């Protein structure tokens, strides 16, 4: 069983920054792909960013150049640095890892 706990969400003005953190714990945690997804009200859940065990990354077109995903394998943590935030980034953000999902953290960007 793997547990994921996200933190770092909150309310920020447009143009601001937030850094999300995801702490990964449990037995038999594998070094595999980690990702951040988000779901805005009334919209489908979407992939925001992903990072492989070799630190290869991919991003949704809507966040390229503004968001950066990273990981610290020694600390079993994954991060999402979000800069130049826009109101349309408002959503619940979920950390995913090896098929497991965290409980989500709310990010709200005011205009």
Foldseek 3Di string as FASTA:
>chain_A
DKAKAKDWADEEAAQAKIKMKIAIDDPPADQFKKFKWWDDPPDDIGTAKMATSVGDMDGDPVQPPFKDWDDDVVRRMIMIIGGRDDQVVFTWMWMDGPHDIHPTDTHGYHD
